[in-house]
Structures are given as C-alpha cells and as structure tokens.
Amino acid sequence: KRRTPSLRGVPKQGGAVVYGNMKMHITQTVPNELWEWMVLSGWRNVPVSKDRRVYSELPISTLEKLIDVPAPERSSLHARLLRAAQATQTS
C-alpha cells in the first residue's frame, strides 16, 4: 500500500506545494498557522526534488491572497481561487 507523504515542515521560500494537480510556488514566508490550515485542506510539499508529474501552475498572487485574507474567510477564498484555476484549465 502507498502511504501519504510526510507533511514535513513549513515550505521554504522558493519551494512549491501541491494540491491535487495544482502547484503553487512559495514566493514569501508562509506563517505556521496558514501552513497548518493548508495541510488540513489538502496541500502538500512537493515530495521529490525532480518531480516529473504534470501540474497546473497557480498564479503567483494566490499565496499572497491566502496570507492576506482573514482566517474566517480563508476557506471561501480558497474555494474561489481553485474554481478559477480549474476553469482556466478547461478553457
């Protein structure tokens, strides 16, 4: 059986995280509280340094928006950002 990859620590600036088939580059320091929320939402560190999987790249502004939004509104913003990214994939 395959196991879920380890969560590791907060991703470093310059790294990337994935959510399903979407990839987001880390352009600034991710607060611990936000990273904990992201992990519970399904985000993971890219598991290998030379990942050959094909991902859709999220806009650079995605992380900034998640950092700036108040915590109670984060889930609804997250859903809107993912829907918008999926809509651009299919068009």
N, C-alpha and C. Protein backbone atom coordinates (compact mmCIF):
# COMPACT_ATOMS: atom_id res chain seq x y z
N LYS A 1 0.83 -1.19 0.00
CA LYS A 1 0.00 0.00 0.00
C LYS A 1 0.87 1.25 0.00
N ARG A 2 0.42 2.24 -0.74
CA ARG A 2 1.13 3.52 -0.74
C ARG A 2 0.69 4.31 0.48
N ARG A 3 1.61 5.01 1.05
CA ARG A 3 1.30 5.84 2.21
C ARG A 3 1.28 7.29 1.80
N THR A 4 0.56 8.09 2.56
CA THR A 4 0.54 9.53 2.34
C THR A 4 1.93 10.07 2.63
N PRO A 5 2.47 10.97 1.76
CA PRO A 5 3.80 11.51 2.03
C PRO A 5 3.83 12.28 3.34
N SER A 6 5.00 12.32 3.98
CA SER A 6 5.11 13.05 5.24
C SER A 6 4.86 14.53 5.00
N LEU A 7 4.35 15.19 6.02
CA LEU A 7 3.98 16.58 5.87
C LEU A 7 5.17 17.52 5.92
N ARG A 8 6.23 17.09 6.54
CA ARG A 8 7.43 17.91 6.69
C ARG A 8 7.07 19.24 7.33
N GLY A 9 8.03 20.17 7.29
CA GLY A 9 7.79 21.47 7.90
C GLY A 9 7.18 22.45 6.92
N VAL A 10 7.08 23.68 7.39
CA VAL A 10 6.57 24.78 6.57
C VAL A 10 7.46 24.89 5.33
N PRO A 11 6.87 25.01 4.14
CA PRO A 11 7.70 25.11 2.94
C PRO A 11 8.50 26.40 2.92
N LYS A 12 9.70 26.31 2.40
CA LYS A 12 10.57 27.48 2.35
C LYS A 12 10.30 28.30 1.10
N GLN A 13 10.63 29.56 1.20
CA GLN A 13 10.51 30.46 0.06
C GLN A 13 11.34 29.90 -1.09
N GLY A 14 10.76 29.89 -2.28
CA GLY A 14 11.43 29.33 -3.45
C GLY A 14 11.00 27.90 -3.73
N GLY A 15 10.32 27.27 -2.78
CA GLY A 15 9.82 25.91 -2.97
C GLY A 15 8.45 25.92 -3.63
N ALA A 16 7.78 24.80 -3.53
CA ALA A 16 6.45 24.68 -4.12
C ALA A 16 5.62 23.71 -3.29
N VAL A 17 4.31 23.89 -3.35
CA VAL A 17 3.37 22.97 -2.72
C VAL A 17 2.34 22.57 -3.76
N VAL A 18 1.71 21.43 -3.54
CA VAL A 18 0.73 20.93 -4.49
C VAL A 18 -0.59 20.61 -3.79
N TYR A 19 -1.65 20.73 -4.60
CA TYR A 19 -3.00 20.39 -4.17
C TYR A 19 -3.61 19.65 -5.35
N GLY A 20 -3.68 18.34 -5.26
CA GLY A 20 -4.16 17.57 -6.40
C GLY A 20 -3.24 17.75 -7.58
N ASN A 21 -3.77 18.29 -8.67
CA ASN A 21 -2.95 18.51 -9.86
C ASN A 21 -2.55 19.98 -10.02
N MET A 22 -2.65 20.76 -8.93
CA MET A 22 -2.29 22.17 -8.97
C MET A 22 -1.04 22.43 -8.14
N LYS A 23 -0.21 23.32 -8.63
CA LYS A 23 1.05 23.62 -7.97
C LYS A 23 1.13 25.12 -7.70
N MET A 24 1.58 25.46 -6.50
CA MET A 24 1.74 26.86 -6.11
C MET A 24 3.18 27.07 -5.64
N HIS A 25 3.83 28.06 -6.21
CA HIS A 25 5.19 28.39 -5.80
C HIS A 25 5.14 29.26 -4.55
N ILE A 26 6.08 29.02 -3.66
CA ILE A 26 6.15 29.77 -2.41
C ILE A 26 7.01 31.00 -2.65
N THR A 27 6.36 32.16 -2.67
CA THR A 27 7.05 33.41 -3.00
C THR A 27 7.39 34.23 -1.77
N GLN A 28 6.87 33.83 -0.62
CA GLN A 28 7.17 34.53 0.63
C GLN A 28 7.00 33.56 1.78
N THR A 29 7.39 33.98 2.96
CA THR A 29 7.31 33.12 4.13
C THR A 29 5.85 32.80 4.45
N VAL A 30 5.58 31.52 4.65
CA VAL A 30 4.23 31.07 4.98
C VAL A 30 4.13 31.00 6.51
N PRO A 31 3.19 31.75 7.10
CA PRO A 31 3.01 31.67 8.56
C PRO A 31 2.62 30.24 8.98
N ASN A 32 3.07 29.83 10.14
CA ASN A 32 2.77 28.48 10.64
C ASN A 32 1.28 28.20 10.67
N GLU A 33 0.49 29.16 11.12
CA GLU A 33 -0.96 28.98 11.23
C GLU A 33 -1.57 28.73 9.85
N LEU A 34 -1.10 29.46 8.84
CA LEU A 34 -1.60 29.26 7.48
C LEU A 34 -1.18 27.89 6.96
N TRP A 35 0.06 27.48 7.21
CA TRP A 35 0.52 26.18 6.73
C TRP A 35 -0.29 25.05 7.36
N GLU A 36 -0.59 25.15 8.64
CA GLU A 36 -1.42 24.13 9.31
C GLU A 36 -2.78 24.05 8.64
N TRP A 37 -3.37 25.21 8.31
CA TRP A 37 -4.66 25.23 7.62
C TRP A 37 -4.53 24.60 6.23
N MET A 38 -3.46 24.93 5.52
CA MET A 38 -3.25 24.40 4.18
C MET A 38 -3.12 22.87 4.21
N VAL A 39 -2.38 22.35 5.17
CA VAL A 39 -2.21 20.89 5.29
C VAL A 39 -3.56 20.24 5.55
N LEU A 40 -4.36 20.81 6.44
CA LEU A 40 -5.69 20.26 6.71
C LEU A 40 -6.60 20.36 5.49
N SER A 41 -6.32 21.31 4.61
CA SER A 41 -7.11 21.50 3.39
C SER A 41 -6.64 20.61 2.25
N GLY A 42 -5.51 19.94 2.41
CA GLY A 42 -5.04 19.02 1.38
C GLY A 42 -3.77 19.42 0.66
N TRP A 43 -3.16 20.53 1.02
CA TRP A 43 -1.89 20.96 0.40
C TRP A 43 -0.75 20.12 0.94
N ARG A 44 0.23 19.83 0.09
CA ARG A 44 1.41 19.06 0.49
C ARG A 44 2.65 19.66 -0.13
N ASN A 45 3.79 19.46 0.54
CA ASN A 45 5.08 19.82 -0.05
C ASN A 45 5.28 18.96 -1.28
N VAL A 46 5.99 19.48 -2.27
CA VAL A 46 6.33 18.66 -3.43
C VAL A 46 7.23 17.55 -2.90
N PRO A 47 6.85 16.28 -3.12
CA PRO A 47 7.52 15.17 -2.44
C PRO A 47 8.95 14.88 -2.89
N VAL A 48 9.33 15.26 -4.08
CA VAL A 48 10.67 14.97 -4.58
C VAL A 48 11.26 16.20 -5.26
N SER A 49 12.58 16.26 -5.33
CA SER A 49 13.21 17.44 -5.91
C SER A 49 13.01 17.53 -7.41
N LYS A 50 12.99 16.39 -8.10
CA LYS A 50 12.79 16.39 -9.55
C LYS A 50 11.46 15.70 -9.86
N ASP A 51 10.38 16.39 -9.54
CA ASP A 51 9.04 15.84 -9.71
C ASP A 51 8.65 15.91 -11.19
N ARG A 52 8.36 14.76 -11.80
CA ARG A 52 8.02 14.71 -13.22
C ARG A 52 6.52 14.77 -13.46
N ARG A 53 5.75 14.86 -12.40
CA ARG A 53 4.30 14.95 -12.57
C ARG A 53 3.95 16.26 -13.25
N VAL A 54 2.82 16.28 -13.92
CA VAL A 54 2.37 17.48 -14.62
C VAL A 54 1.34 18.19 -13.75
N TYR A 55 1.60 19.44 -13.44
CA TYR A 55 0.71 20.25 -12.61
C TYR A 55 0.28 21.49 -13.38
N SER A 56 -0.86 22.02 -12.99
CA SER A 56 -1.27 23.33 -13.46
C SER A 56 -0.72 24.34 -12.47
N GLU A 57 -0.05 25.35 -12.98
CA GLU A 57 0.55 26.36 -12.12
C GLU A 57 -0.50 27.39 -11.70
N LEU A 58 -0.59 27.64 -10.42
CA LEU A 58 -1.49 28.69 -9.93
C LEU A 58 -0.79 30.04 -10.06
N PRO A 59 -1.56 31.12 -10.20
CA PRO A 59 -0.94 32.44 -10.30
C PRO A 59 -0.10 32.75 -9.07
N ILE A 60 0.95 33.53 -9.26
CA ILE A 60 1.85 33.91 -8.16
C ILE A 60 1.09 34.60 -7.03
N SER A 61 0.05 35.33 -7.37
CA SER A 61 -0.70 36.10 -6.37
C SER A 61 -1.53 35.21 -5.44
N THR A 62 -1.67 33.92 -5.74
CA THR A 62 -2.51 33.03 -4.94
C THR A 62 -2.05 32.97 -3.48
N LEU A 63 -0.76 32.78 -3.26
CA LEU A 63 -0.25 32.70 -1.88
C LEU A 63 -0.45 34.03 -1.16
N GLU A 64 -0.17 35.13 -1.83
CA GLU A 64 -0.35 36.44 -1.21
C GLU A 64 -1.79 36.63 -0.75
N LYS A 65 -2.73 36.22 -1.59
CA LYS A 65 -4.15 36.36 -1.24
C LYS A 65 -4.49 35.51 -0.02
N LEU A 66 -3.96 34.28 0.04
CA LEU A 66 -4.24 33.42 1.19
C LEU A 66 -3.62 33.97 2.47
N ILE A 67 -2.48 34.60 2.36
CA ILE A 67 -1.84 35.19 3.54
C ILE A 67 -2.62 36.41 4.02
N ASP A 68 -3.10 37.21 3.08
CA ASP A 68 -3.74 38.48 3.44
C ASP A 68 -5.18 38.35 3.93
N VAL A 69 -5.88 37.30 3.53
CA VAL A 69 -7.29 37.17 3.90
C VAL A 69 -7.43 36.80 5.38
N PRO A 70 -8.44 37.36 6.07
CA PRO A 70 -8.68 36.95 7.46
C PRO A 70 -9.02 35.46 7.54
N ALA A 71 -8.59 34.81 8.60
CA ALA A 71 -8.78 33.36 8.75
C ALA A 71 -10.22 32.90 8.55
N PRO A 72 -11.25 33.60 9.06
CA PRO A 72 -12.62 33.11 8.85
C PRO A 72 -13.05 33.10 7.38
N GLU A 73 -12.41 33.89 6.55
CA GLU A 73 -12.79 33.98 5.13
C GLU A 73 -11.88 33.12 4.23
N ARG A 74 -10.90 32.48 4.81
CA ARG A 74 -9.89 31.76 4.03
C ARG A 74 -10.49 30.61 3.22
N SER A 75 -11.37 29.83 3.79
CA SER A 75 -11.93 28.68 3.08
C SER A 75 -12.71 29.10 1.85
N SER A 76 -13.50 30.17 1.96
CA SER A 76 -14.28 30.59 0.80
C SER A 76 -13.37 31.17 -0.28
N LEU A 77 -12.33 31.92 0.10
CA LEU A 77 -11.37 32.43 -0.89
C LEU A 77 -10.65 31.27 -1.56
N HIS A 78 -10.23 30.29 -0.78
CA HIS A 78 -9.53 29.12 -1.30
C HIS A 78 -10.40 28.42 -2.36
N ALA A 79 -11.67 28.23 -2.05
CA ALA A 79 -12.58 27.57 -3.00
C ALA A 79 -12.71 28.38 -4.28
N ARG A 80 -12.83 29.71 -4.16
CA ARG A 80 -12.94 30.56 -5.36
C ARG A 80 -11.68 30.50 -6.20
N LEU A 81 -10.51 30.55 -5.56
CA LEU A 81 -9.25 30.50 -6.29
C LEU A 81 -9.09 29.18 -7.04
N LEU A 82 -9.44 28.08 -6.40
CA LEU A 82 -9.34 26.77 -7.05
C LEU A 82 -10.33 26.63 -8.20
N ARG A 83 -11.55 27.13 -8.00
CA ARG A 83 -12.53 27.08 -9.10
C ARG A 83 -12.05 27.89 -10.30
N ALA A 84 -11.50 29.07 -10.03
CA ALA A 84 -10.99 29.91 -11.12
C ALA A 84 -9.84 29.22 -11.85
N ALA A 85 -8.97 28.57 -11.10
CA ALA A 85 -7.83 27.87 -11.72
C ALA A 85 -8.33 26.69 -12.56
N GLN A 86 -9.30 25.96 -12.06
CA GLN A 86 -9.85 24.82 -12.81
C GLN A 86 -10.58 25.30 -14.06
N ALA A 87 -11.25 26.44 -13.98
CA ALA A 87 -11.96 26.97 -15.14
C ALA A 87 -10.97 27.36 -16.24
N THR A 88 -9.81 27.89 -15.87
CA THR A 88 -8.82 28.26 -16.89
C THR A 88 -8.15 27.02 -17.48
N GLN A 89 -8.11 25.92 -16.74
CA GLN A 89 -7.54 24.66 -17.25
C GLN A 89 -8.42 24.08 -18.34
N THR A 90 -9.72 24.17 -18.16
CA THR A 90 -10.64 23.54 -19.09
C THR A 90 -10.93 24.39 -20.31
N SER A 91 -10.59 25.67 -20.26
CA SER A 91 -10.87 26.52 -21.43
C SER A 91 -9.70 26.65 -22.35
